[in-house]
Amino acid sequence: MGPLRDLLATDHRQTLEFFFVGLKDLSEPTVDHQELLYNASVLAHYTHVSTQTSDDVATPATLSAVFDAFVSDTTVRQDSLMMETAGAQCLLLAGFFQDQMRGRFNLNWYATLGAGFFRRAAAQEASARKAQLLDAVGRRFEPWRQTHARLGRELRDRPYLLPRRPDV
């Protein structure tokens, strides 16, 4: 399975580069580089995390899981990392998977939640540099969510055909 595995397998860096280029192509030329890299890292991270993992915080299958984990459970509200995770999950599901979530969930409400999660994470973050980044993503959550949605649509519409091998 060597050649097929090489064709299909990607590491985190390749995945990050893939999403960085995709988001950059859809963003204004003046986009903040750190925000762009952060948003690409969110998509790259969740590409490599299963919905059923026990090694990491699992990728949520729907926005209901985000609600249950971060709104209903009030114990995580004072944890910067958990609030950042909540914001990232809102960005992923209400953004990249917007078309799949739209029929069941109020995406504007989840966008407001996601922005709030990022701002709360920023307020509790010990590193001033990271706090500034999280605050910026929170303040510009909606434009980033829309960019994620455009990228998700573009990737779904792109044909995924493997090149045909010439007959030997």
N, C-alpha and C. Protein backbone atom coordinates (compact mmCIF):
# COMPACT_ATOMS: atom_id res chain seq x y z
N MET A 1 0.83 -1.19 0.00
CA MET A 1 0.00 0.00 0.00
C MET A 1 0.87 1.26 0.00
N GLY A 2 2.16 1.15 -0.16
CA GLY A 2 3.09 2.26 -0.11
C GLY A 2 2.73 3.44 -0.99
N PRO A 3 2.66 3.29 -2.32
CA PRO A 3 2.37 4.44 -3.19
C PRO A 3 0.99 5.07 -2.93
N LEU A 4 -0.02 4.25 -2.67
CA LEU A 4 -1.35 4.78 -2.38
C LEU A 4 -1.33 5.55 -1.06
N ARG A 5 -0.64 5.02 -0.06
CA ARG A 5 -0.54 5.71 1.23
C ARG A 5 0.16 7.05 1.06
N ASP A 6 1.23 7.07 0.26
CA ASP A 6 1.95 8.32 0.01
C ASP A 6 1.04 9.34 -0.68
N LEU A 7 0.17 8.88 -1.54
CA LEU A 7 -0.74 9.76 -2.26
C LEU A 7 -1.80 10.36 -1.34
N LEU A 8 -2.32 9.56 -0.43
CA LEU A 8 -3.44 9.98 0.40
C LEU A 8 -3.05 10.56 1.75
N ALA A 9 -1.88 10.23 2.28
CA ALA A 9 -1.48 10.66 3.61
C ALA A 9 -0.91 12.08 3.57
N THR A 10 -1.26 12.87 4.58
CA THR A 10 -0.69 14.20 4.73
C THR A 10 -0.32 14.39 6.19
N ASP A 11 0.69 15.20 6.43
CA ASP A 11 1.02 15.52 7.80
C ASP A 11 0.40 16.88 8.16
N HIS A 12 0.58 17.27 9.40
CA HIS A 12 -0.06 18.51 9.86
C HIS A 12 0.46 19.72 9.09
N ARG A 13 1.73 19.76 8.79
CA ARG A 13 2.30 20.91 8.07
C ARG A 13 1.70 21.04 6.67
N GLN A 14 1.56 19.92 5.96
CA GLN A 14 0.97 19.96 4.62
C GLN A 14 -0.48 20.42 4.69
N THR A 15 -1.19 19.94 5.69
CA THR A 15 -2.59 20.32 5.86
C THR A 15 -2.71 21.80 6.20
N LEU A 16 -1.82 22.28 7.07
CA LEU A 16 -1.81 23.69 7.42
C LEU A 16 -1.53 24.55 6.19
N GLU A 17 -0.57 24.16 5.38
CA GLU A 17 -0.26 24.90 4.16
C GLU A 17 -1.45 24.91 3.20
N PHE A 18 -2.12 23.77 3.08
CA PHE A 18 -3.29 23.66 2.21
C PHE A 18 -4.36 24.68 2.60
N PHE A 19 -4.70 24.72 3.90
CA PHE A 19 -5.74 25.64 4.35
C PHE A 19 -5.25 27.09 4.36
N PHE A 20 -3.98 27.32 4.64
CA PHE A 20 -3.43 28.67 4.60
C PHE A 20 -3.58 29.26 3.21
N VAL A 21 -3.19 28.50 2.20
CA VAL A 21 -3.29 28.97 0.81
C VAL A 21 -4.75 29.19 0.43
N GLY A 22 -5.63 28.25 0.81
CA GLY A 22 -7.05 28.39 0.49
C GLY A 22 -7.67 29.62 1.11
N LEU A 23 -7.40 29.86 2.39
CA LEU A 23 -7.95 31.04 3.06
C LEU A 23 -7.34 32.32 2.51
N LYS A 24 -6.05 32.28 2.23
CA LYS A 24 -5.37 33.47 1.70
C LYS A 24 -5.96 33.87 0.35
N ASP A 25 -6.23 32.87 -0.50
CA ASP A 25 -6.82 33.15 -1.81
C ASP A 25 -8.18 33.82 -1.71
N LEU A 26 -8.90 33.57 -0.63
CA LEU A 26 -10.24 34.12 -0.46
C LEU A 26 -10.27 35.39 0.39
N SER A 27 -9.12 35.78 0.91
CA SER A 27 -9.04 36.93 1.82
C SER A 27 -8.54 38.17 1.09
N GLU A 28 -8.79 39.31 1.71
CA GLU A 28 -8.27 40.58 1.20
C GLU A 28 -6.75 40.58 1.31
N PRO A 29 -6.07 41.31 0.43
CA PRO A 29 -4.61 41.38 0.50
C PRO A 29 -4.09 41.95 1.83
N THR A 30 -4.92 42.72 2.53
CA THR A 30 -4.50 43.34 3.77
C THR A 30 -4.77 42.47 5.00
N VAL A 31 -5.18 41.22 4.79
CA VAL A 31 -5.51 40.35 5.91
C VAL A 31 -4.30 40.21 6.84
N ASP A 32 -4.58 40.19 8.14
CA ASP A 32 -3.54 40.01 9.13
C ASP A 32 -2.96 38.60 9.02
N HIS A 33 -1.64 38.52 8.85
CA HIS A 33 -0.97 37.23 8.63
C HIS A 33 -1.16 36.28 9.81
N GLN A 34 -1.09 36.79 11.02
CA GLN A 34 -1.24 35.93 12.20
C GLN A 34 -2.67 35.38 12.31
N GLU A 35 -3.65 36.21 12.02
CA GLU A 35 -5.04 35.73 12.03
C GLU A 35 -5.25 34.67 10.95
N LEU A 36 -4.67 34.91 9.78
CA LEU A 36 -4.78 33.96 8.68
C LEU A 36 -4.17 32.62 9.08
N LEU A 37 -2.99 32.66 9.64
CA LEU A 37 -2.31 31.44 10.08
C LEU A 37 -3.10 30.74 11.17
N TYR A 38 -3.65 31.52 12.10
CA TYR A 38 -4.45 30.93 13.18
C TYR A 38 -5.68 30.21 12.61
N ASN A 39 -6.39 30.87 11.70
CA ASN A 39 -7.58 30.27 11.11
C ASN A 39 -7.24 29.01 10.31
N ALA A 40 -6.13 29.03 9.60
CA ALA A 40 -5.70 27.84 8.87
C ALA A 40 -5.37 26.72 9.86
N SER A 41 -4.78 27.09 10.99
CA SER A 41 -4.43 26.06 11.98
C SER A 41 -5.67 25.42 12.60
N VAL A 42 -6.74 26.20 12.75
CA VAL A 42 -8.00 25.63 13.26
C VAL A 42 -8.50 24.55 12.30
N LEU A 43 -8.55 24.88 11.02
CA LEU A 43 -9.02 23.90 10.04
C LEU A 43 -8.09 22.70 9.96
N ALA A 44 -6.80 22.94 9.97
CA ALA A 44 -5.83 21.84 9.89
C ALA A 44 -5.95 20.93 11.11
N HIS A 45 -6.11 21.54 12.28
CA HIS A 45 -6.23 20.74 13.51
C HIS A 45 -7.43 19.80 13.44
N TYR A 46 -8.59 20.35 13.10
CA TYR A 46 -9.79 19.52 13.10
C TYR A 46 -9.83 18.53 11.94
N THR A 47 -8.99 18.72 10.95
CA THR A 47 -8.87 17.73 9.89
C THR A 47 -8.24 16.45 10.42
N HIS A 48 -7.39 16.61 11.43
CA HIS A 48 -6.65 15.47 11.97
C HIS A 48 -7.22 14.91 13.27
N VAL A 49 -8.34 15.46 13.76
CA VAL A 49 -8.92 14.99 15.01
C VAL A 49 -10.29 14.37 14.73
N SER A 50 -10.45 13.15 15.15
CA SER A 50 -11.69 12.41 14.92
C SER A 50 -12.84 12.94 15.79
N THR A 51 -14.04 12.63 15.37
CA THR A 51 -15.21 12.94 16.20
C THR A 51 -15.33 11.94 17.36
N GLN A 52 -14.53 10.88 17.33
CA GLN A 52 -14.62 9.83 18.33
C GLN A 52 -13.31 9.61 19.10
N THR A 53 -12.42 10.59 19.09
CA THR A 53 -11.12 10.41 19.73
C THR A 53 -11.21 10.48 21.25
N SER A 54 -10.27 9.81 21.91
CA SER A 54 -10.15 9.94 23.36
C SER A 54 -8.81 10.57 23.71
N ASP A 55 -7.98 10.86 22.69
CA ASP A 55 -6.66 11.45 22.91
C ASP A 55 -6.69 12.97 23.01
N ASP A 56 -7.73 13.61 22.50
CA ASP A 56 -7.81 15.05 22.39
C ASP A 56 -9.27 15.43 22.56
N VAL A 57 -9.57 16.71 22.57
CA VAL A 57 -10.97 17.14 22.54
C VAL A 57 -11.48 16.78 21.15
N ALA A 58 -12.49 15.94 21.09
CA ALA A 58 -13.00 15.43 19.81
C ALA A 58 -13.60 16.56 18.97
N THR A 59 -13.53 16.38 17.66
CA THR A 59 -14.19 17.29 16.75
C THR A 59 -15.69 17.09 16.90
N PRO A 60 -16.45 18.13 17.18
CA PRO A 60 -17.89 17.95 17.33
C PRO A 60 -18.55 17.65 15.99
N ALA A 61 -19.55 16.80 16.02
CA ALA A 61 -20.27 16.46 14.79
C ALA A 61 -21.29 17.54 14.44
N THR A 62 -21.85 18.21 15.44
CA THR A 62 -22.84 19.26 15.20
C THR A 62 -22.66 20.37 16.23
N LEU A 63 -23.35 21.45 16.01
CA LEU A 63 -23.32 22.56 16.96
C LEU A 63 -24.01 22.21 18.28
N SER A 64 -24.84 21.19 18.29
CA SER A 64 -25.44 20.72 19.55
C SER A 64 -24.36 20.27 20.52
N ALA A 65 -23.34 19.62 20.01
CA ALA A 65 -22.24 19.16 20.86
C ALA A 65 -21.49 20.34 21.46
N VAL A 66 -21.33 21.40 20.68
CA VAL A 66 -20.69 22.62 21.18
C VAL A 66 -21.54 23.22 22.30
N PHE A 67 -22.84 23.29 22.07
CA PHE A 67 -23.75 23.81 23.09
C PHE A 67 -23.63 23.01 24.37
N ASP A 68 -23.71 21.68 24.25
CA ASP A 68 -23.64 20.82 25.44
C ASP A 68 -22.33 20.97 26.19
N ALA A 69 -21.23 21.05 25.45
CA ALA A 69 -19.91 21.09 26.08
C ALA A 69 -19.54 22.45 26.66
N PHE A 70 -20.03 23.54 26.06
CA PHE A 70 -19.51 24.84 26.44
C PHE A 70 -20.56 25.85 26.91
N VAL A 71 -21.82 25.58 26.66
CA VAL A 71 -22.86 26.49 27.12
C VAL A 71 -23.57 25.86 28.32
N SER A 72 -24.00 24.63 28.17
CA SER A 72 -24.68 23.94 29.27
C SER A 72 -23.74 23.68 30.44
N ASP A 73 -22.50 23.34 30.14
CA ASP A 73 -21.50 23.07 31.17
C ASP A 73 -20.79 24.38 31.52
N THR A 74 -21.16 24.96 32.63
CA THR A 74 -20.61 26.26 33.01
C THR A 74 -19.24 26.16 33.68
N THR A 75 -18.76 24.96 33.95
CA THR A 75 -17.47 24.80 34.64
C THR A 75 -16.28 25.18 33.78
N VAL A 76 -16.45 25.26 32.46
CA VAL A 76 -15.32 25.55 31.58
C VAL A 76 -15.18 27.03 31.24
N ARG A 77 -16.07 27.85 31.71
CA ARG A 77 -16.07 29.27 31.33
C ARG A 77 -14.86 30.05 31.80
N GLN A 78 -14.18 29.57 32.82
CA GLN A 78 -13.01 30.27 33.34
C GLN A 78 -11.70 29.67 32.83
N ASP A 79 -11.79 28.80 31.86
CA ASP A 79 -10.61 28.12 31.30
C ASP A 79 -10.34 28.67 29.90
N SER A 80 -9.26 29.41 29.75
CA SER A 80 -8.94 30.07 28.48
C SER A 80 -8.84 29.07 27.33
N LEU A 81 -8.17 27.96 27.56
CA LEU A 81 -8.00 26.96 26.50
C LEU A 81 -9.34 26.37 26.08
N MET A 82 -10.21 26.11 27.03
CA MET A 82 -11.52 25.56 26.68
C MET A 82 -12.38 26.59 25.96
N MET A 83 -12.28 27.85 26.33
CA MET A 83 -13.03 28.89 25.63
C MET A 83 -12.49 29.07 24.20
N GLU A 84 -11.18 28.97 24.04
CA GLU A 84 -10.60 29.02 22.69
C GLU A 84 -11.08 27.83 21.86
N THR A 85 -11.11 26.66 22.46
CA THR A 85 -11.60 25.46 21.78
C THR A 85 -13.05 25.65 21.36
N ALA A 86 -13.86 26.20 22.25
CA ALA A 86 -15.27 26.45 21.93
C ALA A 86 -15.41 27.41 20.76
N GLY A 87 -14.63 28.48 20.76
CA GLY A 87 -14.66 29.43 19.66
C GLY A 87 -14.23 28.78 18.35
N ALA A 88 -13.17 27.98 18.41
CA ALA A 88 -12.69 27.31 17.21
C ALA A 88 -13.73 26.33 16.66
N GLN A 89 -14.41 25.63 17.55
CA GLN A 89 -15.44 24.69 17.10
C GLN A 89 -16.62 25.42 16.48
N CYS A 90 -16.99 26.56 17.02
CA CYS A 90 -18.05 27.37 16.40
C CYS A 90 -17.61 27.84 15.02
N LEU A 91 -16.36 28.26 14.90
CA LEU A 91 -15.83 28.72 13.62
C LEU A 91 -15.84 27.59 12.59
N LEU A 92 -15.43 26.40 13.01
CA LEU A 92 -15.41 25.24 12.12
C LEU A 92 -16.82 24.89 11.64
N LEU A 93 -17.73 24.71 12.58
CA LEU A 93 -19.06 24.21 12.22
C LEU A 93 -19.98 25.29 11.63
N ALA A 94 -19.96 26.49 12.19
CA ALA A 94 -20.82 27.55 11.66
C ALA A 94 -20.19 28.22 10.45
N GLY A 95 -18.90 27.97 10.22
CA GLY A 95 -18.20 28.53 9.08
C GLY A 95 -17.98 27.51 7.99
N PHE A 96 -16.95 26.70 8.15
CA PHE A 96 -16.57 25.74 7.11
C PHE A 96 -17.73 24.80 6.76
N PHE A 97 -18.49 24.38 7.76
CA PHE A 97 -19.62 23.48 7.53
C PHE A 97 -20.96 24.21 7.61
N GLN A 98 -20.96 25.50 7.28
CA GLN A 98 -22.16 26.32 7.34
C GLN A 98 -23.33 25.70 6.59
N ASP A 99 -23.10 25.25 5.37
CA ASP A 99 -24.20 24.73 4.55
C ASP A 99 -24.84 23.49 5.17
N GLN A 100 -24.04 22.68 5.85
CA GLN A 100 -24.58 21.48 6.49
C GLN A 100 -25.32 21.81 7.79
N MET A 101 -24.93 22.89 8.46
CA MET A 101 -25.52 23.24 9.76
C MET A 101 -26.72 24.17 9.63
N ARG A 102 -26.82 24.88 8.51
CA ARG A 102 -27.82 25.94 8.35
C ARG A 102 -29.26 25.49 8.62
N GLY A 103 -29.63 24.33 8.17
CA GLY A 103 -31.02 23.88 8.31
C GLY A 103 -31.44 23.57 9.73
N ARG A 104 -30.50 23.26 10.60
CA ARG A 104 -30.84 22.85 11.96
C ARG A 104 -30.51 23.88 13.03
N PHE A 105 -29.62 24.82 12.72
CA PHE A 105 -29.11 25.70 13.76
C PHE A 105 -29.18 27.16 13.33
N ASN A 106 -29.31 28.03 14.31
CA ASN A 106 -29.28 29.47 14.08
C ASN A 106 -27.80 29.88 14.04
N LEU A 107 -27.26 30.01 12.84
CA LEU A 107 -25.83 30.26 12.69
C LEU A 107 -25.43 31.63 13.22
N ASN A 108 -26.30 32.62 13.13
CA ASN A 108 -25.98 33.94 13.69
C ASN A 108 -25.79 33.86 15.20
N TRP A 109 -26.62 33.08 15.86
CA TRP A 109 -26.50 32.91 17.30
C TRP A 109 -25.19 32.22 17.65
N TYR A 110 -24.86 31.17 16.91
CA TYR A 110 -23.59 30.47 17.16
C TYR A 110 -22.38 31.32 16.79
N ALA A 111 -22.52 32.21 15.81
CA ALA A 111 -21.43 33.13 15.48
C ALA A 111 -21.21 34.11 16.64
N THR A 112 -22.30 34.58 17.23
CA THR A 112 -22.18 35.46 18.39
C THR A 112 -21.53 34.72 19.56
N LEU A 113 -21.95 33.47 19.76
CA LEU A 113 -21.33 32.65 20.81
C LEU A 113 -19.84 32.47 20.54
N GLY A 114 -19.50 32.10 19.31
CA GLY A 114 -18.10 31.86 18.97
C GLY A 114 -17.24 33.08 19.20
N ALA A 115 -17.73 34.24 18.77
CA ALA A 115 -16.98 35.48 18.99
C ALA A 115 -16.79 35.72 20.48
N GLY A 116 -17.84 35.48 21.25
CA GLY A 116 -17.76 35.64 22.70
C GLY A 116 -16.78 34.67 23.34
N PHE A 117 -16.77 33.44 22.86
CA PHE A 117 -15.81 32.46 23.38
C PHE A 117 -14.37 32.93 23.16
N PHE A 118 -14.08 33.43 21.96
CA PHE A 118 -12.74 33.91 21.67
C PHE A 118 -12.39 35.12 22.55
N ARG A 119 -13.32 36.03 22.72
CA ARG A 119 -13.06 37.22 23.54
C ARG A 119 -12.85 36.83 25.01
N ARG A 120 -13.63 35.85 25.48
CA ARG A 120 -13.47 35.37 26.87
C ARG A 120 -12.11 34.69 27.02
N ALA A 121 -11.72 33.88 26.01
CA ALA A 121 -10.41 33.22 26.05
C ALA A 121 -9.30 34.26 26.09
N ALA A 122 -9.45 35.33 25.30
CA ALA A 122 -8.44 36.39 25.27
C ALA A 122 -8.32 37.08 26.63
N ALA A 123 -9.45 37.33 27.26
CA ALA A 123 -9.44 38.01 28.56
C ALA A 123 -8.76 37.18 29.64
N GLN A 124 -8.76 35.86 29.48
CA GLN A 124 -8.18 34.97 30.49
C GLN A 124 -6.79 34.46 30.11
N GLU A 125 -6.32 34.78 28.91
CA GLU A 125 -5.04 34.28 28.41
C GLU A 125 -3.87 34.97 29.09
N ALA A 126 -2.89 34.19 29.54
CA ALA A 126 -1.72 34.74 30.23
C ALA A 126 -0.76 35.44 29.27
N SER A 127 -0.62 34.92 28.07
CA SER A 127 0.29 35.52 27.09
C SER A 127 -0.39 36.70 26.41
N ALA A 128 0.23 37.88 26.53
CA ALA A 128 -0.36 39.09 25.93
C ALA A 128 -0.47 38.96 24.42
N ARG A 129 0.52 38.36 23.79
CA ARG A 129 0.51 38.20 22.33
C ARG A 129 -0.65 37.30 21.87
N LYS A 130 -0.80 36.17 22.57
CA LYS A 130 -1.89 35.26 22.20
C LYS A 130 -3.25 35.89 22.53
N ALA A 131 -3.33 36.60 23.64
CA ALA A 131 -4.58 37.27 24.01
C ALA A 131 -4.98 38.27 22.93
N GLN A 132 -4.03 38.99 22.39
CA GLN A 132 -4.31 39.96 21.33
C GLN A 132 -4.83 39.25 20.09
N LEU A 133 -4.23 38.11 19.74
CA LEU A 133 -4.66 37.34 18.58
C LEU A 133 -6.08 36.80 18.78
N LEU A 134 -6.34 36.20 19.94
CA LEU A 134 -7.68 35.65 20.21
C LEU A 134 -8.74 36.75 20.20
N ASP A 135 -8.40 37.92 20.76
CA ASP A 135 -9.33 39.03 20.75
C ASP A 135 -9.62 39.48 19.32
N ALA A 136 -8.58 39.54 18.49
CA ALA A 136 -8.76 39.95 17.09
C ALA A 136 -9.65 38.96 16.34
N VAL A 137 -9.43 37.67 16.55
CA VAL A 137 -10.27 36.66 15.90
C VAL A 137 -11.71 36.79 16.40
N GLY A 138 -11.88 37.06 17.68
CA GLY A 138 -13.22 37.25 18.23
C GLY A 138 -13.91 38.47 17.64
N ARG A 139 -13.18 39.58 17.50
CA ARG A 139 -13.76 40.80 16.95
C ARG A 139 -14.10 40.64 15.47
N ARG A 140 -13.31 39.84 14.76
CA ARG A 140 -13.55 39.64 13.32
C ARG A 140 -14.09 38.23 13.04
N PHE A 141 -14.82 37.69 14.00
CA PHE A 141 -15.34 36.33 13.87
C PHE A 141 -16.22 36.17 12.63
N GLU A 142 -17.14 37.09 12.43
CA GLU A 142 -18.08 36.95 11.31
C GLU A 142 -17.38 36.98 9.96
N PRO A 143 -16.47 37.91 9.69
CA PRO A 143 -15.76 37.84 8.41
C PRO A 143 -14.96 36.54 8.24
N TRP A 144 -14.35 36.09 9.33
CA TRP A 144 -13.62 34.81 9.24
C TRP A 144 -14.59 33.65 9.00
N ARG A 145 -15.72 33.68 9.67
CA ARG A 145 -16.71 32.61 9.48
C ARG A 145 -17.15 32.57 8.01
N GLN A 146 -17.39 33.73 7.43
CA GLN A 146 -17.80 33.79 6.02
C GLN A 146 -16.69 33.28 5.09
N THR A 147 -15.45 33.59 5.41
CA THR A 147 -14.33 33.10 4.61
C THR A 147 -14.22 31.59 4.71
N HIS A 148 -14.40 31.05 5.92
CA HIS A 148 -14.40 29.59 6.10
C HIS A 148 -15.52 28.95 5.27
N ALA A 149 -16.69 29.58 5.28
CA ALA A 149 -17.83 29.04 4.53
C ALA A 149 -17.54 29.04 3.03
N ARG A 150 -16.95 30.13 2.53
CA ARG A 150 -16.60 30.18 1.10
C ARG A 150 -15.58 29.10 0.75
N LEU A 151 -14.60 28.90 1.62
CA LEU A 151 -13.60 27.86 1.37
C LEU A 151 -14.25 26.48 1.40
N GLY A 152 -15.12 26.24 2.35
CA GLY A 152 -15.81 24.95 2.42
C GLY A 152 -16.60 24.67 1.15
N ARG A 153 -17.32 25.70 0.67
CA ARG A 153 -18.09 25.54 -0.57
C ARG A 153 -17.17 25.29 -1.76
N GLU A 154 -16.11 26.07 -1.85
CA GLU A 154 -15.18 25.93 -2.97
C GLU A 154 -14.56 24.53 -3.00
N LEU A 155 -14.20 24.02 -1.85
CA LEU A 155 -13.58 22.69 -1.81
C LEU A 155 -14.58 21.59 -2.14
N ARG A 156 -15.83 21.77 -1.72
CA ARG A 156 -16.85 20.76 -2.05
C ARG A 156 -17.18 20.78 -3.54
N ASP A 157 -17.09 21.94 -4.16
CA ASP A 157 -17.42 22.05 -5.58
C ASP A 157 -16.26 21.65 -6.49
N ARG A 158 -15.07 21.58 -5.95
CA ARG A 158 -13.90 21.24 -6.76
C ARG A 158 -13.90 19.73 -7.04
N PRO A 159 -13.69 19.37 -8.28
CA PRO A 159 -13.66 17.93 -8.58
C PRO A 159 -12.39 17.29 -8.01
N TYR A 160 -12.58 16.16 -7.37
CA TYR A 160 -11.45 15.42 -6.81
C TYR A 160 -11.23 14.17 -7.65
N LEU A 161 -10.48 14.33 -8.70
CA LEU A 161 -10.20 13.20 -9.57
C LEU A 161 -8.72 12.89 -9.51
N LEU A 162 -8.42 11.63 -9.31
CA LEU A 162 -7.02 11.21 -9.37
C LEU A 162 -6.65 11.06 -10.84
N PRO A 163 -5.47 11.50 -11.20
CA PRO A 163 -5.08 11.37 -12.61
C PRO A 163 -5.03 9.90 -13.01
N ARG A 164 -5.49 9.65 -14.22
CA ARG A 164 -5.48 8.29 -14.72
C ARG A 164 -4.04 7.87 -15.04
N ARG A 165 -3.74 6.65 -14.69
CA ARG A 165 -2.43 6.10 -14.99
C ARG A 165 -2.44 5.57 -16.41
N PRO A 166 -1.45 5.92 -17.19
CA PRO A 166 -1.43 5.36 -18.54
C PRO A 166 -1.32 3.84 -18.46
N ASP A 167 -2.00 3.19 -19.38
CA ASP A 167 -1.95 1.72 -19.40
C ASP A 167 -0.52 1.28 -19.65
N VAL A 168 -0.15 0.29 -18.93
CA VAL A 168 1.21 -0.21 -19.05
C VAL A 168 1.30 -1.26 -20.13
